[in-house]
N, C-alpha and C. Protein backbone atom coordinates (compact mmCIF):
# COMPACT_ATOMS: atom_id res chain seq x y z
N GLY A 1 0.81 -1.16 0.00
CA GLY A 1 0.00 0.00 0.00
C GLY A 1 0.87 1.25 0.00
N ASN A 2 0.31 2.31 -0.43
CA ASN A 2 1.05 3.55 -0.52
C ASN A 2 0.16 4.71 -0.10
N PHE A 3 0.74 5.64 0.67
CA PHE A 3 0.06 6.87 1.05
C PHE A 3 1.01 8.02 0.82
N ARG A 4 0.54 9.08 0.18
CA ARG A 4 1.37 10.27 -0.06
C ARG A 4 0.58 11.50 0.32
N HIS A 5 1.21 12.32 1.17
CA HIS A 5 0.64 13.61 1.52
C HIS A 5 1.47 14.68 0.83
N THR A 6 0.82 15.50 0.01
CA THR A 6 1.53 16.58 -0.67
C THR A 6 1.25 17.89 0.05
N PHE A 7 2.26 18.73 0.09
CA PHE A 7 2.14 20.05 0.70
C PHE A 7 1.89 21.07 -0.41
N GLN A 8 1.72 22.34 -0.06
CA GLN A 8 1.41 23.36 -1.06
C GLN A 8 2.57 23.59 -2.02
N LYS A 9 3.77 23.53 -1.53
CA LYS A 9 4.94 23.75 -2.38
C LYS A 9 5.10 22.56 -3.33
N PRO A 10 5.34 22.80 -4.63
CA PRO A 10 5.52 21.67 -5.57
C PRO A 10 6.67 20.76 -5.14
N GLU A 11 6.51 19.46 -5.33
CA GLU A 11 7.49 18.43 -5.01
C GLU A 11 7.83 18.34 -3.52
N HIS A 12 6.96 18.88 -2.66
CA HIS A 12 7.12 18.78 -1.22
C HIS A 12 6.11 17.74 -0.74
N PHE A 13 6.60 16.59 -0.23
CA PHE A 13 5.67 15.54 0.15
C PHE A 13 6.24 14.64 1.25
N PHE A 14 5.32 13.89 1.86
CA PHE A 14 5.63 12.83 2.82
C PHE A 14 4.96 11.57 2.30
N GLU A 15 5.69 10.45 2.30
CA GLU A 15 5.15 9.23 1.71
C GLU A 15 5.42 8.03 2.62
N ILE A 16 4.42 7.16 2.72
CA ILE A 16 4.54 5.89 3.43
C ILE A 16 4.27 4.78 2.42
N ASP A 17 5.14 3.78 2.40
CA ASP A 17 4.99 2.68 1.45
C ASP A 17 5.16 1.36 2.20
N TYR A 18 4.24 0.40 1.98
CA TYR A 18 4.33 -0.92 2.61
C TYR A 18 4.09 -1.98 1.55
N ASN A 19 4.97 -2.97 1.52
CA ASN A 19 4.83 -4.10 0.59
C ASN A 19 4.92 -5.41 1.38
N PHE A 20 4.08 -6.36 1.01
CA PHE A 20 4.05 -7.68 1.63
C PHE A 20 4.00 -8.71 0.52
N ASN A 21 4.88 -9.70 0.60
CA ASN A 21 4.91 -10.76 -0.40
C ASN A 21 5.15 -12.08 0.31
N GLU A 22 4.31 -13.05 0.03
CA GLU A 22 4.45 -14.36 0.66
C GLU A 22 4.35 -15.44 -0.40
N ASN A 23 5.31 -16.35 -0.38
CA ASN A 23 5.32 -17.50 -1.28
C ASN A 23 5.36 -18.77 -0.45
N ASP A 24 4.38 -19.64 -0.63
CA ASP A 24 4.35 -20.94 0.03
C ASP A 24 4.41 -22.00 -1.05
N ASN A 25 5.43 -22.85 -0.98
CA ASN A 25 5.62 -23.90 -1.99
C ASN A 25 5.69 -25.25 -1.29
N PHE A 26 4.86 -26.19 -1.73
CA PHE A 26 4.82 -27.53 -1.15
C PHE A 26 5.01 -28.54 -2.28
N PHE A 27 5.98 -29.43 -2.10
CA PHE A 27 6.29 -30.43 -3.13
C PHE A 27 6.25 -31.82 -2.49
N PRO A 28 5.13 -32.52 -2.61
CA PRO A 28 5.05 -33.88 -2.06
C PRO A 28 5.45 -34.92 -3.11
N ALA A 29 5.99 -36.04 -2.64
CA ALA A 29 6.34 -37.15 -3.54
C ALA A 29 6.20 -38.46 -2.76
N THR A 30 5.39 -39.37 -3.29
CA THR A 30 5.20 -40.68 -2.67
C THR A 30 5.55 -41.74 -3.70
N ASP A 31 6.27 -42.78 -3.24
CA ASP A 31 6.70 -43.84 -4.14
C ASP A 31 6.26 -45.19 -3.58
N SER A 32 5.60 -45.96 -4.43
CA SER A 32 5.22 -47.33 -4.06
C SER A 32 5.27 -48.19 -5.32
N ARG A 33 5.52 -49.48 -5.11
CA ARG A 33 5.55 -50.42 -6.23
C ARG A 33 4.68 -51.62 -5.90
N GLU A 34 3.79 -51.91 -6.84
CA GLU A 34 2.88 -53.05 -6.71
C GLU A 34 2.13 -53.01 -5.37
N GLY A 35 1.71 -51.77 -4.99
CA GLY A 35 0.93 -51.61 -3.78
C GLY A 35 1.73 -51.60 -2.49
N VAL A 36 3.05 -51.69 -2.59
CA VAL A 36 3.90 -51.69 -1.40
C VAL A 36 4.53 -50.31 -1.24
N PHE A 37 4.36 -49.69 -0.07
CA PHE A 37 4.91 -48.37 0.22
C PHE A 37 6.44 -48.44 0.26
N LEU A 38 7.09 -47.54 -0.48
CA LEU A 38 8.55 -47.47 -0.47
C LEU A 38 9.06 -46.24 0.29
N GLN A 39 8.54 -45.06 -0.09
CA GLN A 39 8.97 -43.85 0.61
C GLN A 39 8.00 -42.71 0.37
N ASP A 40 8.10 -41.72 1.26
CA ASP A 40 7.29 -40.52 1.19
C ASP A 40 8.20 -39.33 1.48
N GLU A 41 8.19 -38.32 0.59
CA GLU A 41 9.00 -37.11 0.76
C GLU A 41 8.11 -35.89 0.65
N ASN A 42 8.39 -34.89 1.47
CA ASN A 42 7.69 -33.62 1.39
C ASN A 42 8.69 -32.49 1.58
N TYR A 43 8.70 -31.57 0.64
CA TYR A 43 9.50 -30.35 0.74
C TYR A 43 8.53 -29.19 0.86
N ASN A 44 8.78 -28.31 1.83
CA ASN A 44 7.92 -27.15 2.03
C ASN A 44 8.81 -25.92 2.20
N TYR A 45 8.62 -24.92 1.33
CA TYR A 45 9.39 -23.68 1.39
C TYR A 45 8.41 -22.51 1.55
N ASP A 46 8.54 -21.79 2.65
CA ASP A 46 7.71 -20.61 2.90
C ASP A 46 8.64 -19.40 2.98
N ASN A 47 8.39 -18.42 2.15
CA ASN A 47 9.22 -17.23 2.10
C ASN A 47 8.32 -16.00 2.23
N THR A 48 8.60 -15.15 3.23
CA THR A 48 7.82 -13.94 3.45
C THR A 48 8.74 -12.74 3.40
N LEU A 49 8.36 -11.73 2.63
CA LEU A 49 9.11 -10.49 2.52
C LEU A 49 8.19 -9.33 2.88
N GLN A 50 8.70 -8.41 3.70
CA GLN A 50 7.95 -7.21 4.06
C GLN A 50 8.88 -6.01 3.95
N ALA A 51 8.34 -4.90 3.50
CA ALA A 51 9.12 -3.66 3.40
C ALA A 51 8.22 -2.50 3.79
N LEU A 52 8.73 -1.65 4.67
CA LEU A 52 8.01 -0.46 5.13
C LEU A 52 8.97 0.71 5.04
N SER A 53 8.52 1.81 4.41
CA SER A 53 9.39 2.99 4.31
C SER A 53 8.59 4.27 4.53
N PHE A 54 9.29 5.25 5.09
CA PHE A 54 8.77 6.60 5.29
C PHE A 54 9.75 7.54 4.59
N ASP A 55 9.27 8.34 3.66
CA ASP A 55 10.14 9.26 2.92
C ASP A 55 9.57 10.67 2.97
N TYR A 56 10.47 11.63 3.14
CA TYR A 56 10.09 13.04 3.18
C TYR A 56 10.98 13.80 2.20
N THR A 57 10.38 14.58 1.32
CA THR A 57 11.11 15.39 0.34
C THR A 57 10.66 16.84 0.47
N ASN A 58 11.66 17.73 0.59
CA ASN A 58 11.36 19.15 0.76
C ASN A 58 12.28 19.97 -0.14
N PRO A 59 11.75 20.60 -1.20
CA PRO A 59 12.57 21.49 -2.01
C PRO A 59 12.83 22.78 -1.21
N VAL A 60 14.08 22.95 -0.78
CA VAL A 60 14.44 24.10 0.04
C VAL A 60 14.33 25.39 -0.77
N ASN A 61 14.82 25.34 -1.99
CA ASN A 61 14.68 26.46 -2.93
C ASN A 61 14.68 25.88 -4.34
N GLN A 62 14.78 26.74 -5.36
CA GLN A 62 14.70 26.24 -6.73
C GLN A 62 15.92 25.42 -7.14
N TYR A 63 16.98 25.46 -6.35
CA TYR A 63 18.22 24.74 -6.69
C TYR A 63 18.51 23.55 -5.78
N THR A 64 17.89 23.50 -4.60
CA THR A 64 18.27 22.52 -3.58
C THR A 64 17.05 21.78 -3.03
N THR A 65 17.21 20.47 -2.86
CA THR A 65 16.16 19.63 -2.28
C THR A 65 16.76 18.77 -1.17
N LEU A 66 16.03 18.64 -0.08
CA LEU A 66 16.43 17.80 1.04
C LEU A 66 15.49 16.60 1.08
N GLU A 67 16.08 15.40 1.15
CA GLU A 67 15.30 14.17 1.28
C GLU A 67 15.77 13.45 2.53
N SER A 68 14.84 12.83 3.23
CA SER A 68 15.19 12.02 4.38
C SER A 68 14.14 10.92 4.53
N GLY A 69 14.51 9.89 5.26
CA GLY A 69 13.56 8.80 5.44
C GLY A 69 14.11 7.68 6.28
N MET A 70 13.29 6.68 6.43
CA MET A 70 13.67 5.48 7.14
C MET A 70 12.95 4.29 6.52
N SER A 71 13.57 3.10 6.68
CA SER A 71 12.96 1.91 6.10
C SER A 71 13.24 0.69 6.96
N TRP A 72 12.40 -0.30 6.79
CA TRP A 72 12.55 -1.60 7.44
C TRP A 72 12.26 -2.65 6.39
N ASN A 73 13.18 -3.61 6.24
CA ASN A 73 13.00 -4.74 5.34
C ASN A 73 13.14 -6.02 6.15
N HIS A 74 12.17 -6.91 6.01
CA HIS A 74 12.15 -8.16 6.78
C HIS A 74 12.00 -9.34 5.84
N ARG A 75 12.76 -10.39 6.13
CA ARG A 75 12.64 -11.63 5.37
C ARG A 75 12.56 -12.79 6.35
N LYS A 76 11.59 -13.67 6.13
CA LYS A 76 11.44 -14.88 6.93
C LYS A 76 11.38 -16.06 5.97
N LEU A 77 12.23 -17.04 6.18
CA LEU A 77 12.28 -18.22 5.34
C LEU A 77 12.17 -19.45 6.23
N VAL A 78 11.22 -20.32 5.91
CA VAL A 78 11.08 -21.60 6.60
C VAL A 78 11.18 -22.68 5.53
N SER A 79 12.17 -23.54 5.69
CA SER A 79 12.39 -24.62 4.75
C SER A 79 12.29 -25.94 5.53
N ALA A 80 11.33 -26.79 5.14
CA ALA A 80 11.09 -28.04 5.86
C ALA A 80 11.20 -29.23 4.91
N PHE A 81 11.79 -30.31 5.43
CA PHE A 81 11.96 -31.55 4.67
C PHE A 81 11.52 -32.71 5.55
N ASP A 82 10.58 -33.51 5.05
CA ASP A 82 10.11 -34.71 5.75
C ASP A 82 10.34 -35.91 4.83
N PHE A 83 10.91 -36.97 5.40
CA PHE A 83 11.18 -38.18 4.62
C PHE A 83 10.84 -39.39 5.48
N GLU A 84 10.21 -40.38 4.85
CA GLU A 84 9.88 -41.61 5.58
C GLU A 84 9.97 -42.79 4.62
N ASP A 85 10.63 -43.84 5.08
CA ASP A 85 10.60 -45.12 4.37
C ASP A 85 10.54 -46.21 5.44
N ALA A 86 10.73 -47.47 5.05
CA ALA A 86 10.59 -48.58 5.99
C ALA A 86 11.66 -48.56 7.08
N ARG A 87 12.81 -47.91 6.83
CA ARG A 87 13.92 -47.94 7.79
C ARG A 87 14.06 -46.68 8.63
N GLN A 88 13.62 -45.55 8.15
CA GLN A 88 13.90 -44.31 8.87
C GLN A 88 12.82 -43.25 8.63
N GLU A 89 12.84 -42.27 9.51
CA GLU A 89 11.96 -41.10 9.38
C GLU A 89 12.80 -39.87 9.70
N ILE A 90 12.80 -38.90 8.77
CA ILE A 90 13.58 -37.68 8.94
C ILE A 90 12.63 -36.49 8.90
N ASP A 91 12.81 -35.59 9.84
CA ASP A 91 12.01 -34.36 9.89
C ASP A 91 12.97 -33.21 10.21
N GLN A 92 13.27 -32.38 9.21
CA GLN A 92 14.21 -31.28 9.38
C GLN A 92 13.55 -29.96 8.99
N THR A 93 13.86 -28.93 9.76
CA THR A 93 13.36 -27.60 9.46
C THR A 93 14.49 -26.59 9.63
N PHE A 94 14.54 -25.64 8.71
CA PHE A 94 15.50 -24.54 8.79
C PHE A 94 14.70 -23.25 8.80
N ASN A 95 14.90 -22.43 9.83
CA ASN A 95 14.22 -21.14 9.96
C ASN A 95 15.25 -20.02 9.86
N TYR A 96 14.96 -19.02 9.06
CA TYR A 96 15.87 -17.88 8.91
C TYR A 96 15.06 -16.59 8.96
N ASN A 97 15.53 -15.62 9.73
CA ASN A 97 14.92 -14.30 9.83
C ASN A 97 15.98 -13.24 9.60
N GLU A 98 15.62 -12.20 8.86
CA GLU A 98 16.56 -11.12 8.57
C GLU A 98 15.81 -9.79 8.62
N ASP A 99 16.43 -8.80 9.27
CA ASP A 99 15.87 -7.46 9.35
C ASP A 99 16.96 -6.44 9.01
N ILE A 100 16.59 -5.46 8.20
CA ILE A 100 17.48 -4.34 7.90
C ILE A 100 16.69 -3.07 8.20
N PHE A 101 17.22 -2.28 9.14
CA PHE A 101 16.64 -1.00 9.50
C PHE A 101 17.56 0.08 8.95
N ALA A 102 17.01 1.13 8.34
CA ALA A 102 17.84 2.18 7.76
C ALA A 102 17.23 3.55 7.99
N VAL A 103 18.11 4.54 8.17
CA VAL A 103 17.74 5.94 8.26
C VAL A 103 18.67 6.67 7.31
N TYR A 104 18.13 7.60 6.52
CA TYR A 104 18.98 8.29 5.56
C TYR A 104 18.61 9.76 5.44
N THR A 105 19.57 10.52 4.94
CA THR A 105 19.33 11.91 4.56
C THR A 105 20.16 12.19 3.31
N LEU A 106 19.62 13.02 2.44
CA LEU A 106 20.24 13.28 1.14
C LEU A 106 19.98 14.73 0.76
N LEU A 107 21.02 15.41 0.31
CA LEU A 107 20.90 16.78 -0.15
C LEU A 107 21.23 16.81 -1.64
N LYS A 108 20.30 17.33 -2.45
CA LYS A 108 20.48 17.44 -3.89
C LYS A 108 20.52 18.91 -4.28
N SER A 109 21.38 19.23 -5.22
CA SER A 109 21.45 20.62 -5.67
C SER A 109 21.87 20.66 -7.12
N SER A 110 21.59 21.80 -7.77
CA SER A 110 21.97 21.96 -9.17
C SER A 110 22.49 23.38 -9.40
N ILE A 111 23.36 23.49 -10.36
CA ILE A 111 23.87 24.77 -10.83
C ILE A 111 23.35 24.94 -12.25
N LYS A 112 22.59 25.99 -12.48
CA LYS A 112 21.95 26.20 -13.79
C LYS A 112 22.90 26.89 -14.75
N ARG A 113 22.66 26.66 -16.03
CA ARG A 113 23.38 27.38 -17.08
C ARG A 113 22.94 28.84 -17.05
N GLY A 114 23.82 29.74 -17.40
CA GLY A 114 23.48 31.16 -17.42
C GLY A 114 22.27 31.43 -18.31
N GLY A 115 21.20 32.01 -17.75
CA GLY A 115 20.01 32.37 -18.52
C GLY A 115 19.16 31.19 -18.94
N SER A 116 19.36 30.00 -18.36
CA SER A 116 18.60 28.81 -18.75
C SER A 116 18.04 28.14 -17.52
N ASP A 117 16.94 27.36 -17.70
CA ASP A 117 16.40 26.60 -16.59
C ASP A 117 17.00 25.19 -16.54
N LYS A 118 17.89 24.88 -17.50
CA LYS A 118 18.53 23.56 -17.55
C LYS A 118 19.79 23.56 -16.69
N ALA A 119 20.03 22.42 -16.03
CA ALA A 119 21.16 22.31 -15.11
C ALA A 119 22.46 22.05 -15.88
N LEU A 120 23.51 22.71 -15.45
CA LEU A 120 24.85 22.45 -15.95
C LEU A 120 25.49 21.35 -15.10
N PHE A 121 25.35 21.48 -13.77
CA PHE A 121 25.83 20.48 -12.82
C PHE A 121 24.69 20.10 -11.88
N ASN A 122 24.57 18.81 -11.60
CA ASN A 122 23.71 18.30 -10.54
C ASN A 122 24.60 17.53 -9.59
N TRP A 123 24.38 17.68 -8.31
CA TRP A 123 25.13 16.88 -7.36
C TRP A 123 24.21 16.49 -6.21
N GLN A 124 24.57 15.40 -5.57
CA GLN A 124 23.85 14.98 -4.38
C GLN A 124 24.84 14.30 -3.43
N ALA A 125 24.63 14.51 -2.16
CA ALA A 125 25.45 13.90 -1.12
C ALA A 125 24.53 13.41 -0.02
N GLY A 126 24.84 12.23 0.49
CA GLY A 126 23.96 11.68 1.51
C GLY A 126 24.69 10.81 2.50
N LEU A 127 23.95 10.42 3.51
CA LEU A 127 24.47 9.55 4.55
C LEU A 127 23.36 8.57 4.93
N ARG A 128 23.71 7.28 5.03
CA ARG A 128 22.74 6.23 5.33
C ARG A 128 23.28 5.40 6.49
N LEU A 129 22.47 5.23 7.53
CA LEU A 129 22.81 4.40 8.68
C LEU A 129 21.95 3.15 8.60
N GLU A 130 22.60 1.97 8.60
CA GLU A 130 21.86 0.71 8.50
C GLU A 130 22.23 -0.24 9.63
N LYS A 131 21.21 -0.86 10.19
CA LYS A 131 21.40 -1.92 11.18
C LYS A 131 20.90 -3.22 10.57
N PHE A 132 21.76 -4.21 10.55
CA PHE A 132 21.43 -5.53 10.00
C PHE A 132 21.42 -6.53 11.14
N GLN A 133 20.39 -7.38 11.16
CA GLN A 133 20.38 -8.48 12.11
C GLN A 133 19.72 -9.69 11.48
N SER A 134 20.30 -10.85 11.74
CA SER A 134 19.74 -12.09 11.20
C SER A 134 19.91 -13.20 12.22
N GLY A 135 19.08 -14.21 12.09
CA GLY A 135 19.16 -15.37 12.95
C GLY A 135 18.60 -16.58 12.23
N SER A 136 19.20 -17.73 12.52
CA SER A 136 18.72 -18.97 11.90
C SER A 136 18.82 -20.11 12.90
N VAL A 137 17.94 -21.10 12.70
CA VAL A 137 17.93 -22.30 13.52
C VAL A 137 17.75 -23.49 12.60
N ASN A 138 18.61 -24.49 12.74
CA ASN A 138 18.52 -25.73 11.98
C ASN A 138 18.07 -26.82 12.95
N SER A 139 16.91 -27.43 12.71
CA SER A 139 16.36 -28.41 13.65
C SER A 139 17.13 -29.71 13.68
N SER A 140 17.92 -30.03 12.65
CA SER A 140 18.63 -31.31 12.63
C SER A 140 19.68 -31.38 13.73
N ASP A 141 20.31 -30.24 14.06
CA ASP A 141 21.31 -30.23 15.13
C ASP A 141 21.06 -29.11 16.14
N ASN A 142 19.94 -28.43 16.02
CA ASN A 142 19.56 -27.30 16.89
C ASN A 142 20.61 -26.20 16.90
N GLU A 143 21.37 -26.08 15.82
CA GLU A 143 22.39 -25.05 15.73
C GLU A 143 21.72 -23.70 15.44
N LYS A 144 22.11 -22.71 16.25
CA LYS A 144 21.58 -21.36 16.08
C LYS A 144 22.72 -20.44 15.66
N LEU A 145 22.47 -19.67 14.62
CA LEU A 145 23.45 -18.70 14.15
C LEU A 145 22.80 -17.35 14.05
N GLY A 146 23.59 -16.31 14.24
CA GLY A 146 23.05 -14.96 14.12
C GLY A 146 24.15 -13.96 13.85
N ARG A 147 23.77 -12.88 13.23
CA ARG A 147 24.68 -11.78 12.96
C ARG A 147 23.96 -10.48 13.24
N GLU A 148 24.74 -9.50 13.68
CA GLU A 148 24.17 -8.17 13.90
C GLU A 148 25.30 -7.16 13.75
N PHE A 149 25.06 -6.12 12.95
CA PHE A 149 26.05 -5.07 12.81
C PHE A 149 25.38 -3.78 12.38
N LEU A 150 26.11 -2.69 12.61
CA LEU A 150 25.65 -1.35 12.31
C LEU A 150 26.69 -0.71 11.38
N ASN A 151 26.22 -0.12 10.28
CA ASN A 151 27.12 0.52 9.31
C ASN A 151 26.60 1.89 8.92
N MET A 152 27.54 2.77 8.61
CA MET A 152 27.19 4.09 8.08
C MET A 152 27.79 4.16 6.67
N PHE A 153 26.96 4.55 5.71
CA PHE A 153 27.37 4.59 4.31
C PHE A 153 27.21 5.99 3.75
N PRO A 154 28.28 6.61 3.30
CA PRO A 154 28.15 7.90 2.61
C PRO A 154 27.85 7.65 1.13
N SER A 155 27.30 8.65 0.47
CA SER A 155 27.09 8.57 -0.97
C SER A 155 27.30 9.95 -1.57
N VAL A 156 27.79 9.96 -2.79
CA VAL A 156 27.97 11.22 -3.51
C VAL A 156 27.82 10.93 -5.01
N HIS A 157 27.12 11.82 -5.70
CA HIS A 157 26.92 11.70 -7.15
C HIS A 157 27.01 13.10 -7.76
N VAL A 158 27.73 13.19 -8.87
CA VAL A 158 27.88 14.46 -9.59
C VAL A 158 27.60 14.19 -11.06
N THR A 159 26.79 15.06 -11.68
CA THR A 159 26.48 14.95 -13.11
C THR A 159 26.79 16.28 -13.79
N TYR A 160 27.52 16.18 -14.88
CA TYR A 160 27.79 17.35 -15.73
C TYR A 160 26.99 17.16 -17.01
N GLN A 161 26.07 18.07 -17.31
CA GLN A 161 25.23 18.00 -18.50
C GLN A 161 25.92 18.79 -19.61
N ASN A 162 26.63 18.08 -20.47
CA ASN A 162 27.40 18.71 -21.54
C ASN A 162 26.49 19.35 -22.58
N THR A 163 25.55 18.58 -23.09
CA THR A 163 24.55 19.07 -24.05
C THR A 163 23.21 18.48 -23.65
N ASP A 164 22.16 18.76 -24.41
CA ASP A 164 20.84 18.19 -24.12
C ASP A 164 20.85 16.67 -24.20
N ASN A 165 21.74 16.10 -25.02
CA ASN A 165 21.77 14.65 -25.23
C ASN A 165 23.00 13.98 -24.65
N SER A 166 23.85 14.71 -23.94
CA SER A 166 25.09 14.14 -23.46
C SER A 166 25.38 14.61 -22.04
N SER A 167 25.73 13.65 -21.17
CA SER A 167 26.08 14.00 -19.80
C SER A 167 27.14 13.02 -19.29
N LEU A 168 27.83 13.44 -18.26
CA LEU A 168 28.85 12.63 -17.62
C LEU A 168 28.49 12.56 -16.14
N THR A 169 28.41 11.34 -15.59
CA THR A 169 28.03 11.14 -14.20
C THR A 169 29.10 10.34 -13.48
N LEU A 170 29.41 10.76 -12.26
CA LEU A 170 30.34 10.06 -11.39
C LEU A 170 29.64 9.89 -10.05
N GLY A 171 29.64 8.66 -9.52
CA GLY A 171 28.92 8.44 -8.28
C GLY A 171 29.50 7.34 -7.44
N TYR A 172 29.20 7.40 -6.16
CA TYR A 172 29.61 6.37 -5.20
C TYR A 172 28.50 6.20 -4.18
N SER A 173 28.11 4.95 -3.91
CA SER A 173 27.16 4.66 -2.84
C SER A 173 27.31 3.20 -2.45
N ARG A 174 26.91 2.89 -1.22
CA ARG A 174 26.93 1.52 -0.71
C ARG A 174 25.76 1.34 0.23
N ARG A 175 25.38 0.08 0.41
CA ARG A 175 24.39 -0.29 1.41
C ARG A 175 24.48 -1.79 1.63
N VAL A 176 23.82 -2.29 2.66
CA VAL A 176 23.89 -3.71 2.98
C VAL A 176 23.29 -4.55 1.86
N SER A 177 22.10 -4.17 1.39
CA SER A 177 21.47 -4.97 0.32
C SER A 177 21.43 -4.19 -0.96
């Protein structure tokens, strides 16, 4: 879902965006010969993705815009395997959860050509703070693993508009995903 509130000034807005995606996949397989049960296998993969973001854009003046926001991305994966035959029964599950939280700010500006509304130079500089955390559990050996870290990522982009059809851009940015 998406919600956008616009203010009186053009290109001045606040936006909330939420996405949810879920995939459940089940693959059963049974094998028997001449009415005699040989084996039964079941694979089940459940994958859930969620994303929530808040973005704010404010054109400070005709040359400069300030953007800021925050986001949360979540992934949950459950992978299950069941197997049974005359000699053994196996039941294994792997659970994985991942969250990325981010806060960012970005300043964009342009230098116009003399007497024109077209930009000669556009530049933007920003800073993004991201927290990553993940955890997993494997039921076959009850092993639990997890990671958590915090990173700060700078970004910078510069564009020189040589002609209406030609430009040169140089940029640097990083993030966890």
